[in-house]
Amino acid sequence: MKKHDLSTIMRRAWVIARTTGKAFAVALAKSWQLYRLAKRMRAGVVRFAYEKTDGTLRRAVGTLKDTAELIKGTGRPDDGQTVKYYDVEAGGFRSFRSANLVAIY
């Protein structure tokens, strides 16, 4: 782990705490869970679930490995509120709110 990773984890935890109103300890635990998810997705394909905006549960199979050639636009800068991933089943990029992660399989 690098110093930048810890900075990202703490920044995301504060964003989650501010947007959801939950205790910082809960937000920090969620932020660590998101860090582990991103680390596993950079290594290969991962199954995980998150709550969509309409309240339904979405089970996804995503990766971040070898996706650089699939990026078409410039994208938006990372604000800590969303997690972007390449959906293997749908064949495209997707994102979800960082506070809505439910489980990693």
PDB file of N, CA and C in Angstrom:
ATOM      1  N   MET A   1       0.842  -1.173   0.000  1.00  0.00           N
ATOM      2  CA  MET A   1       0.000   0.000   0.000  1.00  0.00           C
ATOM      3  C   MET A   1       0.887   1.236   0.000  1.00  0.00           C
ATOM      4  N   LYS A   2       0.474   2.208  -0.778  1.00  0.00           N
ATOM      5  CA  LYS A   2       1.230   3.439  -0.872  1.00  0.00           C
ATOM      6  C   LYS A   2       0.529   4.543  -0.088  1.00  0.00           C
ATOM      7  N   LYS A   3       1.236   5.612   0.136  1.00  0.00           N
ATOM      8  CA  LYS A   3       0.674   6.734   0.875  1.00  0.00           C
ATOM      9  C   LYS A   3      -0.531   7.318   0.137  1.00  0.00           C
ATOM     10  N   HIS A   4      -0.476   7.312  -1.191  1.00  0.00           N
ATOM     11  CA  HIS A   4      -1.586   7.820  -1.985  1.00  0.00           C
ATOM     12  C   HIS A   4      -2.851   6.983  -1.776  1.00  0.00           C
ATOM     13  N   ASP A   5      -2.685   5.669  -1.612  1.00  0.00           N
ATOM     14  CA  ASP A   5      -3.830   4.790  -1.384  1.00  0.00           C
ATOM     15  C   ASP A   5      -4.533   5.138  -0.077  1.00  0.00           C
ATOM     16  N   LEU A   6      -3.767   5.375   0.965  1.00  0.00           N
ATOM     17  CA  LEU A   6      -4.350   5.739   2.249  1.00  0.00           C
ATOM     18  C   LEU A   6      -5.077   7.075   2.151  1.00  0.00           C
ATOM     19  N   SER A   7      -4.514   8.001   1.416  1.00  0.00           N
ATOM     20  CA  SER A   7      -5.155   9.298   1.207  1.00  0.00           C
ATOM     21  C   SER A   7      -6.490   9.123   0.489  1.00  0.00           C
ATOM     22  N   THR A   8      -6.512   8.268  -0.521  1.00  0.00           N
ATOM     23  CA  THR A   8      -7.742   8.003  -1.259  1.00  0.00           C
ATOM     24  C   THR A   8      -8.795   7.356  -0.370  1.00  0.00           C
ATOM     25  N   ILE A   9      -8.373   6.423   0.470  1.00  0.00           N
ATOM     26  CA  ILE A   9      -9.302   5.747   1.383  1.00  0.00           C
ATOM     27  C   ILE A   9      -9.920   6.748   2.352  1.00  0.00           C
ATOM     28  N   MET A  10      -9.104   7.612   2.928  1.00  0.00           N
ATOM     29  CA  MET A  10      -9.618   8.596   3.887  1.00  0.00           C
ATOM     30  C   MET A  10     -10.526   9.624   3.205  1.00  0.00           C
ATOM     31  N   ARG A  11     -10.143  10.076   2.009  1.00  0.00           N
ATOM     32  CA  ARG A  11     -10.966  11.052   1.277  1.00  0.00           C
ATOM     33  C   ARG A  11     -12.330  10.451   0.953  1.00  0.00           C
ATOM     34  N   ARG A  12     -12.328   9.211   0.483  1.00  0.00           N
ATOM     35  CA  ARG A  12     -13.594   8.550   0.157  1.00  0.00           C
ATOM     36  C   ARG A  12     -14.434   8.325   1.418  1.00  0.00           C
ATOM     37  N   ALA A  13     -13.791   8.017   2.535  1.00  0.00           N
ATOM     38  CA  ALA A  13     -14.530   7.812   3.788  1.00  0.00           C
ATOM     39  C   ALA A  13     -15.226   9.098   4.214  1.00  0.00           C
ATOM     40  N   TRP A  14     -14.549  10.235   4.093  1.00  0.00           N
ATOM     41  CA  TRP A  14     -15.182  11.508   4.449  1.00  0.00           C
ATOM     42  C   TRP A  14     -16.333  11.842   3.514  1.00  0.00           C
ATOM     43  N   VAL A  15     -16.198  11.524   2.243  1.00  0.00           N
ATOM     44  CA  VAL A  15     -17.288  11.766   1.292  1.00  0.00           C
ATOM     45  C   VAL A  15     -18.497  10.906   1.649  1.00  0.00           C
ATOM     46  N   ILE A  16     -18.270   9.643   1.958  1.00  0.00           N
ATOM     47  CA  ILE A  16     -19.363   8.742   2.337  1.00  0.00           C
ATOM     48  C   ILE A  16     -20.028   9.226   3.617  1.00  0.00           C
ATOM     49  N   ALA A  17     -19.229   9.630   4.604  1.00  0.00           N
ATOM     50  CA  ALA A  17     -19.785  10.101   5.882  1.00  0.00           C
ATOM     51  C   ALA A  17     -20.636  11.356   5.673  1.00  0.00           C
ATOM     52  N   ARG A  18     -20.157  12.278   4.840  1.00  0.00           N
ATOM     53  CA  ARG A  18     -20.915  13.510   4.589  1.00  0.00           C
ATOM     54  C   ARG A  18     -22.197  13.260   3.819  1.00  0.00           C
ATOM     55  N   THR A  19     -22.153  12.412   2.802  1.00  0.00           N
ATOM     56  CA  THR A  19     -23.334  12.210   1.959  1.00  0.00           C
ATOM     57  C   THR A  19     -24.399  11.333   2.614  1.00  0.00           C
ATOM     58  N   THR A  20     -23.984  10.366   3.424  1.00  0.00           N
ATOM     59  CA  THR A  20     -24.960   9.464   4.033  1.00  0.00           C
ATOM     60  C   THR A  20     -25.366   9.870   5.438  1.00  0.00           C
ATOM     61  N   GLY A  21     -24.539  10.637   6.121  1.00  0.00           N
ATOM     62  CA  GLY A  21     -24.842  11.019   7.491  1.00  0.00           C
ATOM     63  C   GLY A  21     -24.519   9.930   8.504  1.00  0.00           C
ATOM     64  N   LYS A  22     -23.860   8.880   8.069  1.00  0.00           N
ATOM     65  CA  LYS A  22     -23.501   7.789   8.972  1.00  0.00           C
ATOM     66  C   LYS A  22     -22.240   8.152   9.747  1.00  0.00           C
ATOM     67  N   ALA A  23     -21.960   7.371  10.782  1.00  0.00           N
ATOM     68  CA  ALA A  23     -20.766   7.600  11.595  1.00  0.00           C
ATOM     69  C   ALA A  23     -19.514   7.399  10.747  1.00  0.00           C
ATOM     70  N   PHE A  24     -18.454   8.106  11.111  1.00  0.00           N
ATOM     71  CA  PHE A  24     -17.219   8.025  10.330  1.00  0.00           C
ATOM     72  C   PHE A  24     -16.638   6.621  10.357  1.00  0.00           C
ATOM     73  N   ALA A  25     -16.790   5.901  11.451  1.00  0.00           N
ATOM     74  CA  ALA A  25     -16.268   4.538  11.540  1.00  0.00           C
ATOM     75  C   ALA A  25     -16.938   3.625  10.515  1.00  0.00           C
ATOM     76  N   VAL A  26     -18.234   3.800  10.315  1.00  0.00           N
ATOM     77  CA  VAL A  26     -18.961   3.013   9.324  1.00  0.00           C
ATOM     78  C   VAL A  26     -18.496   3.382   7.920  1.00  0.00           C
ATOM     79  N   ALA A  27     -18.326   4.681   7.680  1.00  0.00           N
ATOM     80  CA  ALA A  27     -17.866   5.156   6.374  1.00  0.00           C
ATOM     81  C   ALA A  27     -16.444   4.678   6.088  1.00  0.00           C
ATOM     82  N   LEU A  28     -15.603   4.648   7.097  1.00  0.00           N
ATOM     83  CA  LEU A  28     -14.228   4.185   6.924  1.00  0.00           C
ATOM     84  C   LEU A  28     -14.184   2.695   6.589  1.00  0.00           C
ATOM     85  N   ALA A  29     -15.030   1.916   7.236  1.00  0.00           N
ATOM     86  CA  ALA A  29     -15.098   0.485   6.930  1.00  0.00           C
ATOM     87  C   ALA A  29     -15.560   0.265   5.488  1.00  0.00           C
ATOM     88  N   LYS A  30     -16.536   1.045   5.041  1.00  0.00           N
ATOM     89  CA  LYS A  30     -17.021   0.946   3.664  1.00  0.00           C
ATOM     90  C   LYS A  30     -15.926   1.356   2.679  1.00  0.00           C
ATOM     91  N   SER A  31     -15.159   2.378   3.028  1.00  0.00           N
ATOM     92  CA  SER A  31     -14.082   2.851   2.172  1.00  0.00           C
ATOM     93  C   SER A  31     -12.989   1.786   2.021  1.00  0.00           C
ATOM     94  N   TRP A  32     -12.661   1.094   3.098  1.00  0.00           N
ATOM     95  CA  TRP A  32     -11.681   0.007   3.023  1.00  0.00           C
ATOM     96  C   TRP A  32     -12.216  -1.126   2.155  1.00  0.00           C
ATOM     97  N   GLN A  33     -13.505  -1.413   2.268  1.00  0.00           N
ATOM     98  CA  GLN A  33     -14.122  -2.448   1.450  1.00  0.00           C
ATOM     99  C   GLN A  33     -14.030  -2.073  -0.037  1.00  0.00           C
ATOM    100  N   LEU A  34     -14.236  -0.806  -0.361  1.00  0.00           N
ATOM    101  CA  LEU A  34     -14.125  -0.338  -1.738  1.00  0.00           C
ATOM    102  C   LEU A  34     -12.681  -0.412  -2.242  1.00  0.00           C
ATOM    103  N   TYR A  35     -11.729  -0.132  -1.363  1.00  0.00           N
ATOM    104  CA  TYR A  35     -10.310  -0.240  -1.734  1.00  0.00           C
ATOM    105  C   TYR A  35      -9.969  -1.679  -2.102  1.00  0.00           C
ATOM    106  N   ARG A  36     -10.427  -2.628  -1.277  1.00  0.00           N
ATOM    107  CA  ARG A  36     -10.162  -4.037  -1.550  1.00  0.00           C
ATOM    108  C   ARG A  36     -10.834  -4.494  -2.844  1.00  0.00           C
ATOM    109  N   LEU A  37     -12.043  -3.987  -3.105  1.00  0.00           N
ATOM    110  CA  LEU A  37     -12.745  -4.317  -4.346  1.00  0.00           C
ATOM    111  C   LEU A  37     -11.949  -3.825  -5.558  1.00  0.00           C
ATOM    112  N   ALA A  38     -11.500  -2.581  -5.528  1.00  0.00           N
ATOM    113  CA  ALA A  38     -10.739  -2.022  -6.648  1.00  0.00           C
ATOM    114  C   ALA A  38      -9.431  -2.777  -6.846  1.00  0.00           C
ATOM    115  N   LYS A  39      -8.795  -3.157  -5.760  1.00  0.00           N
ATOM    116  CA  LYS A  39      -7.532  -3.902  -5.854  1.00  0.00           C
ATOM    117  C   LYS A  39      -7.752  -5.265  -6.506  1.00  0.00           C
ATOM    118  N   ARG A  40      -8.833  -5.944  -6.120  1.00  0.00           N
ATOM    119  CA  ARG A  40      -9.142  -7.239  -6.717  1.00  0.00           C
ATOM    120  C   ARG A  40      -9.560  -7.101  -8.179  1.00  0.00           C
ATOM    121  N   MET A  41     -10.272  -6.026  -8.514  1.00  0.00           N
ATOM    122  CA  MET A  41     -10.688  -5.820  -9.905  1.00  0.00           C
ATOM    123  C   MET A  41      -9.497  -5.495 -10.804  1.00  0.00           C
ATOM    124  N   ARG A  42      -8.473  -4.828 -10.267  1.00  0.00           N
ATOM    125  CA  ARG A  42      -7.271  -4.573 -11.059  1.00  0.00           C
ATOM    126  C   ARG A  42      -6.500  -5.859 -11.340  1.00  0.00           C
ATOM    127  N   ALA A  43      -6.716  -6.898 -10.520  1.00  0.00           N
ATOM    128  CA  ALA A  43      -6.030  -8.171 -10.694  1.00  0.00           C
ATOM    129  C   ALA A  43      -6.814  -9.152 -11.566  1.00  0.00           C
ATOM    130  N   GLY A  44      -8.128  -8.994 -11.642  1.00  0.00           N
ATOM    131  CA  GLY A  44      -8.936  -9.928 -12.427  1.00  0.00           C
ATOM    132  C   GLY A  44     -10.414  -9.624 -12.305  1.00  0.00           C
ATOM    133  N   VAL A  45     -11.228 -10.642 -12.564  1.00  0.00           N
ATOM    134  CA  VAL A  45     -12.687 -10.501 -12.552  1.00  0.00           C
ATOM    135  C   VAL A  45     -13.209 -10.771 -11.145  1.00  0.00           C
ATOM    136  N   VAL A  46     -14.140  -9.911 -10.687  1.00  0.00           N
ATOM    137  CA  VAL A  46     -14.686 -10.014  -9.337  1.00  0.00           C
ATOM    138  C   VAL A  46     -16.209  -9.956  -9.397  1.00  0.00           C
ATOM    139  N   ARG A  47     -16.848 -10.753  -8.550  1.00  0.00           N
ATOM    140  CA  ARG A  47     -18.312 -10.696  -8.405  1.00  0.00           C
ATOM    141  C   ARG A  47     -18.622  -9.869  -7.163  1.00  0.00           C
ATOM    142  N   PHE A  48     -19.553  -8.930  -7.319  1.00  0.00           N
ATOM    143  CA  PHE A  48     -19.952  -8.080  -6.200  1.00  0.00           C
ATOM    144  C   PHE A  48     -21.386  -7.626  -6.400  1.00  0.00           C
ATOM    145  N   ALA A  49     -21.959  -7.023  -5.369  1.00  0.00           N
ATOM    146  CA  ALA A  49     -23.340  -6.551  -5.435  1.00  0.00           C
ATOM    147  C   ALA A  49     -23.414  -5.149  -4.855  1.00  0.00           C
ATOM    148  N   TYR A  50     -24.307  -4.352  -5.425  1.00  0.00           N
ATOM    149  CA  TYR A  50     -24.552  -3.008  -4.914  1.00  0.00           C
ATOM    150  C   TYR A  50     -26.018  -2.649  -5.097  1.00  0.00           C
ATOM    151  N   GLU A  51     -26.447  -1.668  -4.356  1.00  0.00           N
ATOM    152  CA  GLU A  51     -27.828  -1.206  -4.429  1.00  0.00           C
ATOM    153  C   GLU A  51     -27.927  -0.105  -5.475  1.00  0.00           C
ATOM    154  N   LYS A  52     -28.851  -0.284  -6.421  1.00  0.00           N
ATOM    155  CA  LYS A  52     -29.035   0.716  -7.463  1.00  0.00           C
ATOM    156  C   LYS A  52     -29.822   1.904  -6.912  1.00  0.00           C
ATOM    157  N   THR A  53     -29.894   2.969  -7.691  1.00  0.00           N
ATOM    158  CA  THR A  53     -30.580   4.187  -7.258  1.00  0.00           C
ATOM    159  C   THR A  53     -32.059   3.930  -6.985  1.00  0.00           C
ATOM    160  N   ASP A  54     -32.677   3.024  -7.746  1.00  0.00           N
ATOM    161  CA  ASP A  54     -34.101   2.739  -7.541  1.00  0.00           C
ATOM    162  C   ASP A  54     -34.352   1.773  -6.388  1.00  0.00           C
ATOM    163  N   GLY A  55     -33.290   1.315  -5.716  1.00  0.00           N
ATOM    164  CA  GLY A  55     -33.438   0.463  -4.537  1.00  0.00           C
ATOM    165  C   GLY A  55     -33.271  -1.020  -4.798  1.00  0.00           C
ATOM    166  N   THR A  56     -33.164  -1.431  -6.052  1.00  0.00           N
ATOM    167  CA  THR A  56     -32.991  -2.848  -6.357  1.00  0.00           C
ATOM    168  C   THR A  56     -31.531  -3.252  -6.189  1.00  0.00           C
ATOM    169  N   LEU A  57     -31.324  -4.529  -5.978  1.00  0.00           N
ATOM    170  CA  LEU A  57     -29.972  -5.059  -5.800  1.00  0.00           C
ATOM    171  C   LEU A  57     -29.424  -5.492  -7.158  1.00  0.00           C
ATOM    172  N   ARG A  58     -28.231  -5.077  -7.470  1.00  0.00           N
ATOM    173  CA  ARG A  58     -27.585  -5.415  -8.746  1.00  0.00           C
ATOM    174  C   ARG A  58     -26.369  -6.264  -8.448  1.00  0.00           C
ATOM    175  N   ARG A  59     -26.365  -7.479  -8.976  1.00  0.00           N
ATOM    176  CA  ARG A  59     -25.207  -8.362  -8.853  1.00  0.00           C
ATOM    177  C   ARG A  59     -24.393  -8.194 -10.125  1.00  0.00           C
ATOM    178  N   ALA A  60     -23.141  -7.824  -9.957  1.00  0.00           N
ATOM    179  CA  ALA A  60     -22.301  -7.496 -11.106  1.00  0.00           C
ATOM    180  C   ALA A  60     -21.052  -8.364 -11.143  1.00  0.00           C
ATOM    181  N   VAL A  61     -20.527  -8.515 -12.332  1.00  0.00           N
ATOM    182  CA  VAL A  61     -19.249  -9.178 -12.557  1.00  0.00           C
ATOM    183  C   VAL A  61     -18.391  -8.150 -13.277  1.00  0.00           C
ATOM    184  N   GLY A  62     -17.394  -7.626 -12.570  1.00  0.00           N
ATOM    185  CA  GLY A  62     -16.625  -6.535 -13.143  1.00  0.00           C
ATOM    186  C   GLY A  62     -15.130  -6.719 -13.025  1.00  0.00           C
ATOM    187  N   THR A  63     -14.409  -5.893 -13.787  1.00  0.00           N
ATOM    188  CA  THR A  63     -12.959  -5.919 -13.772  1.00  0.00           C
ATOM    189  C   THR A  63     -12.418  -4.545 -14.127  1.00  0.00           C
ATOM    190  N   LEU A  64     -11.167  -4.330 -13.794  1.00  0.00           N
ATOM    191  CA  LEU A  64     -10.426  -3.150 -14.214  1.00  0.00           C
ATOM    192  C   LEU A  64      -9.131  -3.551 -14.901  1.00  0.00           C
ATOM    193  N   LYS A  65      -8.959  -4.860 -15.097  1.00  0.00           N
ATOM    194  CA  LYS A  65      -7.728  -5.374 -15.702  1.00  0.00           C
ATOM    195  C   LYS A  65      -7.828  -5.279 -17.225  1.00  0.00           C
ATOM    196  N   ASP A  66      -6.796  -4.729 -17.852  1.00  0.00           N
ATOM    197  CA  ASP A  66      -6.706  -4.611 -19.311  1.00  0.00           C
ATOM    198  C   ASP A  66      -7.898  -3.888 -19.923  1.00  0.00           C
ATOM    199  N   THR A  67      -8.324  -2.796 -19.320  1.00  0.00           N
ATOM    200  CA  THR A  67      -9.453  -2.037 -19.847  1.00  0.00           C
ATOM    201  C   THR A  67      -9.025  -0.704 -20.445  1.00  0.00           C
ATOM    202  N   ALA A  68      -7.739  -0.410 -20.469  1.00  0.00           N
ATOM    203  CA  ALA A  68      -7.261   0.878 -20.975  1.00  0.00           C
ATOM    204  C   ALA A  68      -7.609   1.071 -22.446  1.00  0.00           C
ATOM    205  N   GLU A  69      -7.551   0.014 -23.248  1.00  0.00           N
ATOM    206  CA  GLU A  69      -7.851   0.152 -24.671  1.00  0.00           C
ATOM    207  C   GLU A  69      -9.349   0.290 -24.948  1.00  0.00           C
ATOM    208  N   LEU A  70     -10.193   0.023 -23.970  1.00  0.00           N
ATOM    209  CA  LEU A  70     -11.643   0.127 -24.138  1.00  0.00           C
ATOM    210  C   LEU A  70     -12.183   1.528 -23.840  1.00  0.00           C
ATOM    211  N   ILE A  71     -11.372   2.367 -23.229  1.00  0.00           N
ATOM    212  CA  ILE A  71     -11.814   3.714 -22.868  1.00  0.00           C
ATOM    213  C   ILE A  71     -11.877   4.567 -24.127  1.00  0.00           C
ATOM    214  N   LYS A  72     -13.046   5.203 -24.352  1.00  0.00           N
ATOM    215  CA  LYS A  72     -13.240   5.981 -25.563  1.00  0.00           C
ATOM    216  C   LYS A  72     -13.149   7.484 -25.322  1.00  0.00           C
ATOM    217  N   GLY A  73     -13.648   7.956 -24.200  1.00  0.00           N
ATOM    218  CA  GLY A  73     -13.663   9.389 -23.936  1.00  0.00           C
ATOM    219  C   GLY A  73     -12.689   9.763 -22.843  1.00  0.00           C
ATOM    220  N   THR A  74     -12.792  10.988 -22.411  1.00  0.00           N
ATOM    221  CA  THR A  74     -11.912  11.458 -21.349  1.00  0.00           C
ATOM    222  C   THR A  74     -12.465  11.127 -19.974  1.00  0.00           C
ATOM    223  N   GLY A  75     -13.768  10.969 -19.867  1.00  0.00           N
ATOM    224  CA  GLY A  75     -14.380  10.642 -18.591  1.00  0.00           C
ATOM    225  C   GLY A  75     -14.431  11.825 -17.658  1.00  0.00           C
ATOM    226  N   ARG A  76     -14.941  11.596 -16.482  1.00  0.00           N
ATOM    227  CA  ARG A  76     -15.018  12.645 -15.470  1.00  0.00           C
ATOM    228  C   ARG A  76     -13.977  12.368 -14.405  1.00  0.00           C
ATOM    229  N   PRO A  77     -13.482  13.401 -13.750  1.00  0.00           N
ATOM    230  CA  PRO A  77     -12.500  13.178 -12.687  1.00  0.00           C
ATOM    231  C   PRO A  77     -13.131  12.430 -11.512  1.00  0.00           C
ATOM    232  N   ASP A  78     -12.319  11.668 -10.807  1.00  0.00           N
ATOM    233  CA  ASP A  78     -12.793  10.885  -9.672  1.00  0.00           C
ATOM    234  C   ASP A  78     -13.088  11.805  -8.500  1.00  0.00           C
ATOM    235  N   ASP A  79     -14.343  11.832  -8.076  1.00  0.00           N
ATOM    236  CA  ASP A  79     -14.743  12.687  -6.968  1.00  0.00           C
ATOM    237  C   ASP A  79     -14.899  11.905  -5.666  1.00  0.00           C
ATOM    238  N   GLY A  80     -14.695  10.605  -5.701  1.00  0.00           N
ATOM    239  CA  GLY A  80     -14.823   9.776  -4.513  1.00  0.00           C
ATOM    240  C   GLY A  80     -16.237   9.301  -4.257  1.00  0.00           C
ATOM    241  N   GLN A  81     -17.202   9.785  -5.037  1.00  0.00           N
ATOM    242  CA  GLN A  81     -18.592   9.399  -4.831  1.00  0.00           C
ATOM    243  C   GLN A  81     -19.017   8.207  -5.668  1.00  0.00           C
ATOM    244  N   THR A  82     -18.293   7.917  -6.736  1.00  0.00           N
ATOM    245  CA  THR A  82     -18.666   6.804  -7.598  1.00  0.00           C
ATOM    246  C   THR A  82     -17.495   5.853  -7.795  1.00  0.00           C
ATOM    247  N   VAL A  83     -17.836   4.611  -8.108  1.00  0.00           N
ATOM    248  CA  VAL A  83     -16.854   3.583  -8.425  1.00  0.00           C
ATOM    249  C   VAL A  83     -17.138   3.146  -9.854  1.00  0.00           C
ATOM    250  N   LYS A  84     -16.133   3.215 -10.700  1.00  0.00           N
ATOM    251  CA  LYS A  84     -16.283   2.831 -12.107  1.00  0.00           C
ATOM    252  C   LYS A  84     -15.648   1.459 -12.313  1.00  0.00           C
ATOM    253  N   TYR A  85     -16.290   0.653 -13.180  1.00  0.00           N
ATOM    254  CA  TYR A  85     -15.764  -0.672 -13.473  1.00  0.00           C
ATOM    255  C   TYR A  85     -16.242  -1.097 -14.857  1.00  0.00           C
ATOM    256  N   TYR A  86     -15.587  -2.084 -15.430  1.00  0.00           N
ATOM    257  CA  TYR A  86     -16.006  -2.652 -16.706  1.00  0.00           C
ATOM    258  C   TYR A  86     -16.850  -3.882 -16.416  1.00  0.00           C
ATOM    259  N   ASP A  87     -18.105  -3.854 -16.847  1.00  0.00           N
ATOM    260  CA  ASP A  87     -19.027  -4.961 -16.624  1.00  0.00           C
ATOM    261  C   ASP A  87     -18.775  -6.031 -17.678  1.00  0.00           C
ATOM    262  N   VAL A  88     -18.334  -7.192 -17.244  1.00  0.00           N
ATOM    263  CA  VAL A  88     -17.980  -8.274 -18.149  1.00  0.00           C
ATOM    264  C   VAL A  88     -19.220  -8.827 -18.840  1.00  0.00           C
ATOM    265  N   GLU A  89     -20.323  -8.952 -18.116  1.00  0.00           N
ATOM    266  CA  GLU A  89     -21.540  -9.522 -18.687  1.00  0.00           C
ATOM    267  C   GLU A  89     -22.195  -8.583 -19.689  1.00  0.00           C
ATOM    268  N   ALA A  90     -22.242  -7.285 -19.382  1.00  0.00           N
ATOM    269  CA  ALA A  90     -22.888  -6.315 -20.263  1.00  0.00           C
ATOM    270  C   ALA A  90     -21.952  -5.819 -21.357  1.00  0.00           C
ATOM    271  N   GLY A  91     -20.655  -5.943 -21.166  1.00  0.00           N
ATOM    272  CA  GLY A  91     -19.693  -5.516 -22.159  1.00  0.00           C
ATOM    273  C   GLY A  91     -19.532  -4.009 -22.247  1.00  0.00           C
ATOM    274  N   GLY A  92     -19.604  -3.332 -21.116  1.00  0.00           N
ATOM    275  CA  GLY A  92     -19.434  -1.880 -21.113  1.00  0.00           C
ATOM    276  C   GLY A  92     -19.084  -1.378 -19.729  1.00  0.00           C
ATOM    277  N   PHE A  93     -18.738  -0.111 -19.673  1.00  0.00           N
ATOM    278  CA  PHE A  93     -18.399   0.486 -18.388  1.00  0.00           C
ATOM    279  C   PHE A  93     -19.664   0.843 -17.622  1.00  0.00           C
ATOM    280  N   ARG A  94     -19.638   0.653 -16.319  1.00  0.00           N
ATOM    281  CA  ARG A  94     -20.734   0.984 -15.424  1.00  0.00           C
ATOM    282  C   ARG A  94     -20.145   1.678 -14.204  1.00  0.00           C
ATOM    283  N   SER A  95     -21.012   2.278 -13.403  1.00  0.00           N
ATOM    284  CA  SER A  95     -20.575   2.903 -12.158  1.00  0.00           C
ATOM    285  C   SER A  95     -21.692   2.819 -11.134  1.00  0.00           C
ATOM    286  N   PHE A  96     -21.318   2.952  -9.868  1.00  0.00           N
ATOM    287  CA  PHE A  96     -22.293   2.982  -8.784  1.00  0.00           C
ATOM    288  C   PHE A  96     -21.785   3.897  -7.693  1.00  0.00           C
ATOM    289  N   ARG A  97     -22.684   4.338  -6.852  1.00  0.00           N
ATOM    290  CA  ARG A  97     -22.294   5.205  -5.743  1.00  0.00           C
ATOM    291  C   ARG A  97     -21.514   4.397  -4.721  1.00  0.00           C
ATOM    292  N   SER A  98     -20.462   4.994  -4.213  1.00  0.00           N
ATOM    293  CA  SER A  98     -19.561   4.263  -3.335  1.00  0.00           C
ATOM    294  C   SER A  98     -20.243   3.828  -2.037  1.00  0.00           C
ATOM    295  N   ALA A  99     -21.228   4.539  -1.577  1.00  0.00           N
ATOM    296  CA  ALA A  99     -21.908   4.181  -0.338  1.00  0.00           C
ATOM    297  C   ALA A  99     -22.870   3.005  -0.532  1.00  0.00           C
ATOM    298  N   ASN A 100     -23.148   2.607  -1.780  1.00  0.00           N
ATOM    299  CA  ASN A 100     -24.147   1.588  -2.061  1.00  0.00           C
ATOM    300  C   ASN A 100     -23.588   0.178  -2.233  1.00  0.00           C
ATOM    301  N   LEU A 101     -22.292  -0.021  -2.023  1.00  0.00           N
ATOM    302  CA  LEU A 101     -21.723  -1.365  -2.127  1.00  0.00           C
ATOM    303  C   LEU A 101     -22.286  -2.245  -1.015  1.00  0.00           C
ATOM    304  N   VAL A 102     -22.746  -3.457  -1.401  1.00  0.00           N
ATOM    305  CA  VAL A 102     -23.347  -4.358  -0.424  1.00  0.00           C
ATOM    306  C   VAL A 102     -22.396  -5.501  -0.066  1.00  0.00           C
ATOM    307  N   ALA A 103     -21.875  -6.208  -1.078  1.00  0.00           N
ATOM    308  CA  ALA A 103     -21.049  -7.377  -0.790  1.00  0.00           C
ATOM    309  C   ALA A 103     -20.072  -7.639  -1.922  1.00  0.00           C
ATOM    310  N   ILE A 104     -18.978  -8.321  -1.582  1.00  0.00           N
ATOM    311  CA  ILE A 104     -18.007  -8.798  -2.548  1.00  0.00           C
ATOM    312  C   ILE A 104     -17.948 -10.306  -2.402  1.00  0.00           C
ATOM    313  N   TYR A 105     -18.107 -11.027  -3.503  1.00  0.00           N
ATOM    314  CA  TYR A 105     -18.122 -12.495  -3.452  1.00  0.00           C
ATOM    315  C   TYR A 105     -16.772 -13.076  -3.751  1.00  0.00           C
TER     316      TYR A 105
END
